[in-house]
Structure formats: structure tokens, C-alpha cells
Amino acid sequence: MTTDPIDRQNVRPRFWETYRLEDLPRNEWEALCDGCGKCCLLKLEDEDTGQVAYTSISCRLLDPDTCRCGNYALRKQLVAGCVIVTPETLETIVDWMPRSCAYRLLAEGETLPDWHPLISGTTDSVHKAGVSFAGTMTPEYEVEEDDLEDYIVEGML
């Protein structure tokens, strides 16, 4: 993976410390995503308890090596179950988002970790810190639906 510098010209300095999530312009909202790929992992929900388990199976649009969506602009149209993280949806989905997710951290009053690209200055820092699932995911088209439970992961989320 190459280290891409963060484009700091299009965001206000340390905007996440000053402004509420719901008041951020789209470019700053998008900049909060650390690119770990965790929210694009398939999840299984226990019907009885509502508990959500993550798998190491990635959405068919996610590149498992770079954690980038292959068609970000049309993801909702191409993947019916895709949940787009917005200020409007955040409250209803925050509980199943990864604990390391900037949207979740900030919604819960926490700060961004040192490895977050907005702090480190590079998009590769999330991968170097071992926080992302880059290189460890299996695309959903390679796994039978009946085998999803075999791919449940713990700990990193």
C-alpha cells in the first residue's frame, strides 16, 4: 500500500474538535472515515438478542486489499443492504459500527486516535496501526451464505 497524504486544504484544521457532526459539510464528514473497511464487513444479527456479530466477509464492492469501495457513488443502488453513514442515520446505526470508527467515537464524546488519517496525515496509518481489515477479508462472492457463521471475527472491532 502506498501512503497517500490527506488533502488538508479542503477541511478546516481539527474541525472534529470544534463542530458538531450534524453541522459538518459533506467533505469534512467524508474525511472522518478512516478507511478501515470494518463497516463494509457482512454482519450477522441474532434474532433473539439483537446482538450483531461481524464476519471477515467484505461487501462485494469493497476491495479487500485497499478497503476502498469499487463504486462509492452508486453503492446504495448496487448493494440493497448498504447503509450509508450520514448525520441522519448515525443515531440508528452507531451501536453496530466498529468501536474504532471516528463517527462512533465522536458521537460518544471521544477523540480521534493517533493513527486516524486526520491526525497522522496519511491514509496508510490505519493499516500500519493494524486497525483495518486490509488483506484479511474475503469477498462475499467467494463464500456460500450458509458458511457465513464460519467467518465470525472477534476482538478487532
Protein backbone atom coordinates (compact mmCIF):
# COMPACT_ATOMS: atom_id res chain seq x y z
CA MET A 1 0.00 0.00 0.00
CA THR A 2 1.16 3.48 -0.74
CA THR A 3 0.90 6.30 1.72
CA ASP A 4 -1.46 8.94 0.41
CA PRO A 5 -1.27 12.35 2.06
CA ILE A 6 -4.51 13.75 3.42
CA ASP A 7 -5.80 16.76 1.49
CA ARG A 8 -5.83 19.26 4.33
CA GLN A 9 -6.66 22.22 2.09
CA ASN A 10 -10.30 21.18 1.81
CA VAL A 11 -11.00 20.77 5.53
CA ARG A 12 -10.79 23.12 8.47
CA PRO A 13 -7.99 22.41 10.95
CA ARG A 14 -9.14 19.95 13.64
CA PHE A 15 -12.75 20.57 12.63
CA TRP A 16 -13.95 17.47 14.54
CA GLU A 17 -13.00 19.17 17.82
CA THR A 18 -14.91 22.36 17.12
CA TYR A 19 -18.03 21.47 15.17
CA ARG A 20 -20.89 19.09 15.81
CA LEU A 21 -21.14 16.10 13.47
CA GLU A 22 -24.52 17.23 12.14
CA ASP A 23 -23.05 20.63 11.22
CA LEU A 24 -20.18 19.34 9.09
CA PRO A 25 -20.15 19.94 5.35
CA ARG A 26 -20.01 16.77 3.25
CA ASN A 27 -16.24 16.93 2.57
CA GLU A 28 -15.43 17.06 6.30
CA TRP A 29 -17.98 14.36 7.08
CA GLU A 30 -16.37 12.11 4.48
CA ALA A 31 -12.88 12.93 5.79
CA LEU A 32 -13.80 11.36 9.13
CA CYS A 33 -13.87 7.89 7.56
CA ASP A 34 -10.54 6.24 8.38
CA GLY A 35 -10.78 3.68 5.56
CA CYS A 36 -10.55 0.60 7.78
CA GLY A 37 -13.22 -1.35 5.88
CA LYS A 38 -14.90 -2.63 9.03
CA CYS A 39 -18.29 -1.11 8.36
CA CYS A 40 -18.31 -2.88 4.98
CA LEU A 41 -17.97 -6.31 6.55
CA LEU A 42 -21.04 -8.51 6.50
CA LYS A 43 -22.74 -8.68 9.87
CA LEU A 44 -24.99 -11.32 11.37
CA GLU A 45 -27.69 -10.37 13.83
CA ASP A 46 -29.02 -12.79 16.42
CA GLU A 47 -32.79 -12.70 16.00
CA ASP A 48 -33.39 -13.38 19.69
CA THR A 49 -30.91 -10.99 21.30
CA GLY A 50 -30.33 -8.43 18.56
CA GLN A 51 -26.59 -8.86 19.11
CA VAL A 52 -24.52 -8.17 15.99
CA ALA A 53 -21.53 -10.30 15.02
CA TYR A 54 -19.04 -9.18 12.38
CA THR A 55 -17.63 -11.55 9.81
CA SER A 56 -14.41 -11.20 7.82
CA ILE A 57 -16.51 -11.24 4.65
CA SER A 58 -16.44 -7.96 2.75
CA CYS A 59 -19.18 -6.40 0.69
CA ARG A 60 -18.82 -7.37 -2.95
CA LEU A 61 -17.94 -3.76 -3.85
CA LEU A 62 -15.12 -3.42 -1.31
CA ASP A 63 -11.56 -4.03 -2.47
CA PRO A 64 -10.28 -6.36 0.28
CA ASP A 65 -6.70 -5.14 -0.10
CA THR A 66 -7.25 -1.37 -0.09
CA CYS A 67 -10.53 -1.09 1.88
CA ARG A 68 -11.90 1.19 -0.84
CA CYS A 69 -15.36 0.87 -2.34
CA GLY A 70 -15.28 -0.08 -6.00
CA ASN A 71 -18.29 2.10 -6.80
CA TYR A 72 -18.76 4.52 -3.93
CA ALA A 73 -21.16 6.82 -5.80
CA LEU A 74 -23.60 4.02 -6.66
CA ARG A 75 -23.08 1.73 -3.66
CA LYS A 76 -26.66 2.00 -2.39
CA GLN A 77 -28.12 1.21 -5.81
CA LEU A 78 -25.77 -1.74 -6.34
CA VAL A 79 -25.97 -3.19 -2.82
CA ALA A 80 -29.50 -3.04 -1.45
CA GLY A 81 -28.37 -3.56 2.16
CA CYS A 82 -25.70 -0.87 2.06
CA VAL A 83 -26.15 1.55 4.93
CA ILE A 84 -24.85 4.99 4.14
CA VAL A 85 -23.45 6.72 7.20
CA THR A 86 -24.88 10.22 7.44
CA PRO A 87 -25.70 12.54 10.32
CA GLU A 88 -29.32 11.41 9.87
CA THR A 89 -28.58 7.66 10.01
CA LEU A 90 -25.83 7.74 12.62
CA GLU A 91 -28.05 7.55 15.69
CA THR A 92 -29.78 4.38 14.48
CA ILE A 93 -26.62 2.55 13.36
CA VAL A 94 -23.95 3.72 15.82
CA ASP A 95 -24.35 0.65 18.05
CA TRP A 96 -23.21 -1.77 15.35
CA MET A 97 -20.43 0.39 14.00
CA PRO A 98 -16.87 -0.59 14.91
CA ARG A 99 -15.67 0.76 18.26
CA SER A 100 -12.69 2.35 16.48
CA CYS A 101 -14.89 4.24 13.98
CA ALA A 102 -14.44 8.02 14.07
CA TYR A 103 -18.16 8.60 13.63
CA ARG A 104 -18.91 6.41 16.63
CA LEU A 105 -16.06 7.83 18.73
CA LEU A 106 -17.12 11.41 18.13
CA ALA A 107 -20.83 10.64 18.63
CA GLU A 108 -19.89 9.13 22.01
CA GLY A 109 -17.79 12.17 23.02
CA GLU A 110 -14.42 10.52 22.43
CA THR A 111 -11.43 11.83 20.46
CA LEU A 112 -9.77 10.56 17.32
CA PRO A 113 -6.89 8.12 17.89
CA ASP A 114 -3.33 8.95 16.83
CA TRP A 115 -3.49 6.53 13.89
CA HIS A 116 -6.52 8.26 12.34
CA PRO A 117 -5.54 9.75 8.96
CA LEU A 118 -6.71 13.24 10.02
CA ILE A 119 -4.21 13.10 12.91
CA SER A 120 -1.37 11.18 11.24
CA GLY A 121 -1.62 12.98 7.91
CA THR A 122 -1.59 9.79 5.80
CA THR A 123 -4.30 7.40 4.69
CA ASP A 124 -1.99 4.45 5.28
CA SER A 125 -1.73 4.98 9.06
CA VAL A 126 -4.91 3.00 9.77
CA HIS A 127 -3.39 -0.02 8.01
CA LYS A 128 0.03 0.38 9.61
CA ALA A 129 -1.62 0.55 13.06
CA GLY A 130 -3.30 -2.81 12.40
CA VAL A 131 -6.76 -1.32 12.78
CA SER A 132 -8.00 -2.05 9.29
CA PHE A 133 -9.04 -5.35 7.77
CA ALA A 134 -6.94 -4.75 4.63
CA GLY A 135 -5.64 -8.03 3.25
CA THR A 136 -7.64 -10.16 5.71
CA MET A 137 -11.12 -10.02 4.18
CA THR A 138 -12.80 -12.48 1.87
CA PRO A 139 -15.14 -11.01 -0.77
CA GLU A 140 -18.75 -12.09 -0.28
CA TYR A 141 -18.95 -13.63 -3.74
CA GLU A 142 -16.38 -16.24 -2.63
CA VAL A 143 -18.43 -17.54 0.32
CA GLU A 144 -21.65 -19.54 0.45
CA GLU A 145 -24.35 -17.87 2.55
CA ASP A 146 -24.68 -21.00 4.73
CA ASP A 147 -20.99 -20.67 5.67
CA LEU A 148 -21.10 -17.06 6.95
CA GLU A 149 -21.02 -18.11 10.61
CA ASP A 150 -17.63 -19.75 9.97
CA TYR A 151 -16.22 -16.29 9.31
CA ILE A 152 -17.29 -14.52 12.52
CA VAL A 153 -14.46 -12.41 13.92
CA GLU A 154 -13.96 -11.08 17.42
CA GLY A 155 -11.68 -8.56 19.04
CA MET A 156 -10.61 -6.10 16.31
CA LEU A 157 -13.97 -4.42 16.16
